[in-house]
Protein backbone atom coordinates (compact mmCIF):
# COMPACT_ATOMS: atom_id res chain seq x y z
CA UNK A 1 0.00 0.00 0.00
CA UNK A 2 1.35 3.43 -0.87
CA UNK A 3 0.11 6.43 1.05
CA UNK A 4 0.52 10.11 0.35
CA UNK A 5 0.92 12.16 3.52
CA UNK A 6 -1.26 15.14 4.29
CA UNK A 7 0.16 18.25 5.93
CA UNK A 8 -1.55 17.26 9.15
CA UNK A 9 0.07 13.81 9.09
CA UNK A 10 3.55 15.27 8.52
CA UNK A 11 3.03 17.69 11.41
CA UNK A 12 1.85 14.88 13.73
CA UNK A 13 4.82 12.70 12.72
CA UNK A 14 7.18 15.52 13.70
CA UNK A 15 5.38 16.14 16.99
CA UNK A 16 5.37 12.46 17.92
CA UNK A 17 8.94 11.72 16.89
CA UNK A 18 8.09 9.36 14.05
CA UNK A 19 10.56 8.99 11.20
CA UNK A 20 9.38 8.86 7.59
CA UNK A 21 11.31 5.59 7.18
CA UNK A 22 9.31 4.11 10.08
CA UNK A 23 6.05 5.09 8.40
CA UNK A 24 7.27 3.55 5.13
CA UNK A 25 8.16 0.32 6.94
CA UNK A 26 4.80 0.39 8.68
CA UNK A 27 2.97 0.56 5.35
CA UNK A 28 4.81 -2.59 4.28
CA UNK A 29 4.20 -4.62 7.43
CA UNK A 30 0.83 -3.54 8.81
CA UNK A 31 -1.88 -6.11 8.28
CA UNK A 32 -4.73 -5.21 10.62
CA UNK A 33 -7.31 -2.73 9.40
CA UNK A 34 -10.04 -1.26 11.61
CA UNK A 35 -12.74 1.09 10.32
CA UNK A 36 -12.80 4.18 12.53
CA UNK A 37 -15.61 6.05 10.76
CA UNK A 38 -16.07 8.75 8.14
CA UNK A 39 -14.30 6.73 5.49
CA UNK A 40 -11.14 6.35 7.58
CA UNK A 41 -9.29 3.17 8.42
CA UNK A 42 -6.64 2.56 11.07
CA UNK A 43 -3.75 0.24 10.22
CA UNK A 44 -1.56 -1.48 12.79
CA UNK A 45 0.78 -4.43 13.26
CA UNK A 46 -0.65 -7.69 14.61
CA UNK A 47 1.37 -10.22 16.59
CA UNK A 48 1.32 -12.65 13.68
CA UNK A 49 2.72 -10.00 11.34
CA UNK A 50 5.38 -9.21 13.94
CA UNK A 51 6.51 -12.85 13.95
CA UNK A 52 6.54 -12.94 10.15
CA UNK A 53 8.61 -9.76 9.96
CA UNK A 54 11.19 -11.21 12.36
CA UNK A 55 11.34 -14.42 10.31
CA UNK A 56 11.78 -12.39 7.12
CA UNK A 57 14.85 -10.73 8.61
CA UNK A 58 13.64 -7.24 9.46
CA UNK A 59 15.77 -5.70 12.24
CA UNK A 60 14.26 -5.91 15.72
CA UNK A 61 14.97 -2.22 16.40
CA UNK A 62 12.96 -1.11 13.40
CA UNK A 63 10.04 -3.34 14.35
CA UNK A 64 10.15 -2.12 17.95
CA UNK A 65 9.81 1.49 16.76
CA UNK A 66 6.58 0.75 14.89
CA UNK A 67 5.15 -1.81 17.31
CA UNK A 68 2.58 0.48 18.97
CA UNK A 69 2.07 2.78 15.97
CA UNK A 70 -1.24 3.32 14.21
CA UNK A 71 -1.65 4.94 10.80
CA UNK A 72 -5.03 6.45 9.97
CA UNK A 73 -5.71 6.72 6.25
CA UNK A 74 -8.65 7.73 4.12
CA UNK A 75 -10.23 5.61 1.40
CA UNK A 76 -8.36 7.49 -1.34
CA UNK A 77 -4.93 6.54 0.06
CA UNK A 78 -4.07 9.72 1.96
CA UNK A 79 -2.37 9.35 5.34
CA UNK A 80 -4.48 11.51 7.65
CA UNK A 81 -2.61 11.08 10.92
CA UNK A 82 -0.46 8.70 12.91
CA UNK A 83 -0.38 7.96 16.61
CA UNK A 84 1.23 5.84 19.29
CA UNK A 85 -1.09 3.48 21.15
CA UNK A 86 -1.35 3.93 24.91
CA UNK A 87 -4.09 4.28 27.47
CA UNK A 88 -7.82 3.94 27.05
CA UNK A 89 -7.87 5.78 23.73
CA UNK A 90 -6.03 2.88 22.11
CA UNK A 91 -9.23 0.83 22.12
CA UNK A 92 -10.57 2.96 19.27
CA UNK A 93 -7.90 1.61 16.95
CA UNK A 94 -7.66 -1.97 18.19
CA UNK A 95 -11.22 -3.20 18.55
CA UNK A 96 -13.26 -4.69 15.81
CA UNK A 97 -16.16 -2.78 14.33
CA UNK A 98 -18.97 -3.14 16.86
CA UNK A 99 -21.71 -1.58 14.75
CA UNK A 100 -24.50 -3.78 13.49
CA UNK A 101 -23.96 -5.03 9.98
CA UNK A 102 -27.02 -3.21 8.65
CA UNK A 103 -25.73 0.16 9.93
CA UNK A 104 -22.48 0.18 7.88
C-alpha atoms as a PDB file:
ATOM      1  CA  UNK A   1       0.000   0.000   0.000  1.00  0.00           C
ATOM      2  CA  UNK A   2       1.347   3.433  -0.867  1.00  0.00           C
ATOM      3  CA  UNK A   3       0.109   6.431   1.052  1.00  0.00           C
ATOM      4  CA  UNK A   4       0.521  10.114   0.353  1.00  0.00           C
ATOM      5  CA  UNK A   5       0.921  12.156   3.519  1.00  0.00           C
ATOM      6  CA  UNK A   6      -1.257  15.137   4.287  1.00  0.00           C
ATOM      7  CA  UNK A   7       0.165  18.253   5.929  1.00  0.00           C
ATOM      8  CA  UNK A   8      -1.545  17.260   9.153  1.00  0.00           C
ATOM      9  CA  UNK A   9       0.072  13.812   9.087  1.00  0.00           C
ATOM     10  CA  UNK A  10       3.548  15.275   8.521  1.00  0.00           C
ATOM     11  CA  UNK A  11       3.026  17.689  11.415  1.00  0.00           C
ATOM     12  CA  UNK A  12       1.853  14.884  13.726  1.00  0.00           C
ATOM     13  CA  UNK A  13       4.823  12.703  12.716  1.00  0.00           C
ATOM     14  CA  UNK A  14       7.183  15.519  13.703  1.00  0.00           C
ATOM     15  CA  UNK A  15       5.383  16.145  16.988  1.00  0.00           C
ATOM     16  CA  UNK A  16       5.365  12.458  17.919  1.00  0.00           C
ATOM     17  CA  UNK A  17       8.938  11.716  16.892  1.00  0.00           C
ATOM     18  CA  UNK A  18       8.092   9.357  14.045  1.00  0.00           C
ATOM     19  CA  UNK A  19      10.555   8.994  11.205  1.00  0.00           C
ATOM     20  CA  UNK A  20       9.384   8.863   7.588  1.00  0.00           C
ATOM     21  CA  UNK A  21      11.308   5.593   7.184  1.00  0.00           C
ATOM     22  CA  UNK A  22       9.305   4.114  10.078  1.00  0.00           C
ATOM     23  CA  UNK A  23       6.049   5.089   8.397  1.00  0.00           C
ATOM     24  CA  UNK A  24       7.274   3.554   5.134  1.00  0.00           C
ATOM     25  CA  UNK A  25       8.165   0.318   6.943  1.00  0.00           C
ATOM     26  CA  UNK A  26       4.798   0.388   8.675  1.00  0.00           C
ATOM     27  CA  UNK A  27       2.968   0.556   5.349  1.00  0.00           C
ATOM     28  CA  UNK A  28       4.809  -2.589   4.282  1.00  0.00           C
ATOM     29  CA  UNK A  29       4.199  -4.618   7.431  1.00  0.00           C
ATOM     30  CA  UNK A  30       0.828  -3.543   8.812  1.00  0.00           C
ATOM     31  CA  UNK A  31      -1.885  -6.114   8.280  1.00  0.00           C
ATOM     32  CA  UNK A  32      -4.732  -5.209  10.625  1.00  0.00           C
ATOM     33  CA  UNK A  33      -7.311  -2.729   9.395  1.00  0.00           C
ATOM     34  CA  UNK A  34     -10.045  -1.260  11.608  1.00  0.00           C
ATOM     35  CA  UNK A  35     -12.744   1.085  10.324  1.00  0.00           C
ATOM     36  CA  UNK A  36     -12.799   4.179  12.527  1.00  0.00           C
ATOM     37  CA  UNK A  37     -15.609   6.051  10.764  1.00  0.00           C
ATOM     38  CA  UNK A  38     -16.073   8.754   8.138  1.00  0.00           C
ATOM     39  CA  UNK A  39     -14.303   6.726   5.487  1.00  0.00           C
ATOM     40  CA  UNK A  40     -11.140   6.347   7.585  1.00  0.00           C
ATOM     41  CA  UNK A  41      -9.285   3.167   8.421  1.00  0.00           C
ATOM     42  CA  UNK A  42      -6.640   2.560  11.074  1.00  0.00           C
ATOM     43  CA  UNK A  43      -3.752   0.244  10.223  1.00  0.00           C
ATOM     44  CA  UNK A  44      -1.563  -1.480  12.792  1.00  0.00           C
ATOM     45  CA  UNK A  45       0.780  -4.433  13.260  1.00  0.00           C
ATOM     46  CA  UNK A  46      -0.648  -7.688  14.613  1.00  0.00           C
ATOM     47  CA  UNK A  47       1.371 -10.225  16.590  1.00  0.00           C
ATOM     48  CA  UNK A  48       1.316 -12.653  13.678  1.00  0.00           C
ATOM     49  CA  UNK A  49       2.720 -10.004  11.338  1.00  0.00           C
ATOM     50  CA  UNK A  50       5.377  -9.209  13.943  1.00  0.00           C
ATOM     51  CA  UNK A  51       6.506 -12.848  13.951  1.00  0.00           C
ATOM     52  CA  UNK A  52       6.544 -12.943  10.149  1.00  0.00           C
ATOM     53  CA  UNK A  53       8.611  -9.759   9.965  1.00  0.00           C
ATOM     54  CA  UNK A  54      11.190 -11.212  12.363  1.00  0.00           C
ATOM     55  CA  UNK A  55      11.337 -14.424  10.309  1.00  0.00           C
ATOM     56  CA  UNK A  56      11.782 -12.389   7.116  1.00  0.00           C
ATOM     57  CA  UNK A  57      14.854 -10.733   8.609  1.00  0.00           C
ATOM     58  CA  UNK A  58      13.638  -7.243   9.463  1.00  0.00           C
ATOM     59  CA  UNK A  59      15.765  -5.698  12.243  1.00  0.00           C
ATOM     60  CA  UNK A  60      14.264  -5.914  15.722  1.00  0.00           C
ATOM     61  CA  UNK A  61      14.968  -2.219  16.404  1.00  0.00           C
ATOM     62  CA  UNK A  62      12.957  -1.108  13.402  1.00  0.00           C
ATOM     63  CA  UNK A  63      10.039  -3.340  14.346  1.00  0.00           C
ATOM     64  CA  UNK A  64      10.146  -2.118  17.953  1.00  0.00           C
ATOM     65  CA  UNK A  65       9.808   1.488  16.763  1.00  0.00           C
ATOM     66  CA  UNK A  66       6.581   0.747  14.894  1.00  0.00           C
ATOM     67  CA  UNK A  67       5.146  -1.806  17.310  1.00  0.00           C
ATOM     68  CA  UNK A  68       2.583   0.484  18.969  1.00  0.00           C
ATOM     69  CA  UNK A  69       2.071   2.784  15.969  1.00  0.00           C
ATOM     70  CA  UNK A  70      -1.239   3.319  14.207  1.00  0.00           C
ATOM     71  CA  UNK A  71      -1.649   4.943  10.804  1.00  0.00           C
ATOM     72  CA  UNK A  72      -5.028   6.453   9.975  1.00  0.00           C
ATOM     73  CA  UNK A  73      -5.706   6.717   6.252  1.00  0.00           C
ATOM     74  CA  UNK A  74      -8.648   7.734   4.117  1.00  0.00           C
ATOM     75  CA  UNK A  75     -10.225   5.610   1.399  1.00  0.00           C
ATOM     76  CA  UNK A  76      -8.360   7.487  -1.336  1.00  0.00           C
ATOM     77  CA  UNK A  77      -4.928   6.539   0.060  1.00  0.00           C
ATOM     78  CA  UNK A  78      -4.073   9.716   1.963  1.00  0.00           C
ATOM     79  CA  UNK A  79      -2.375   9.355   5.339  1.00  0.00           C
ATOM     80  CA  UNK A  80      -4.482  11.513   7.649  1.00  0.00           C
ATOM     81  CA  UNK A  81      -2.614  11.080  10.925  1.00  0.00           C
ATOM     82  CA  UNK A  82      -0.465   8.701  12.912  1.00  0.00           C
ATOM     83  CA  UNK A  83      -0.383   7.959  16.614  1.00  0.00           C
ATOM     84  CA  UNK A  84       1.232   5.844  19.295  1.00  0.00           C
ATOM     85  CA  UNK A  85      -1.092   3.483  21.153  1.00  0.00           C
ATOM     86  CA  UNK A  86      -1.351   3.933  24.908  1.00  0.00           C
ATOM     87  CA  UNK A  87      -4.089   4.280  27.473  1.00  0.00           C
ATOM     88  CA  UNK A  88      -7.817   3.938  27.054  1.00  0.00           C
ATOM     89  CA  UNK A  89      -7.869   5.782  23.733  1.00  0.00           C
ATOM     90  CA  UNK A  90      -6.028   2.884  22.112  1.00  0.00           C
ATOM     91  CA  UNK A  91      -9.228   0.834  22.118  1.00  0.00           C
ATOM     92  CA  UNK A  92     -10.574   2.961  19.271  1.00  0.00           C
ATOM     93  CA  UNK A  93      -7.903   1.614  16.953  1.00  0.00           C
ATOM     94  CA  UNK A  94      -7.662  -1.971  18.194  1.00  0.00           C
ATOM     95  CA  UNK A  95     -11.219  -3.198  18.548  1.00  0.00           C
ATOM     96  CA  UNK A  96     -13.265  -4.694  15.810  1.00  0.00           C
ATOM     97  CA  UNK A  97     -16.156  -2.778  14.325  1.00  0.00           C
ATOM     98  CA  UNK A  98     -18.971  -3.144  16.864  1.00  0.00           C
ATOM     99  CA  UNK A  99     -21.706  -1.580  14.753  1.00  0.00           C
ATOM    100  CA  UNK A 100     -24.501  -3.781  13.489  1.00  0.00           C
ATOM    101  CA  UNK A 101     -23.956  -5.030   9.977  1.00  0.00           C
ATOM    102  CA  UNK A 102     -27.017  -3.210   8.650  1.00  0.00           C
ATOM    103  CA  UNK A 103     -25.730   0.163   9.928  1.00  0.00           C
ATOM    104  CA  UNK A 104     -22.483   0.182   7.881  1.00  0.00           C
END
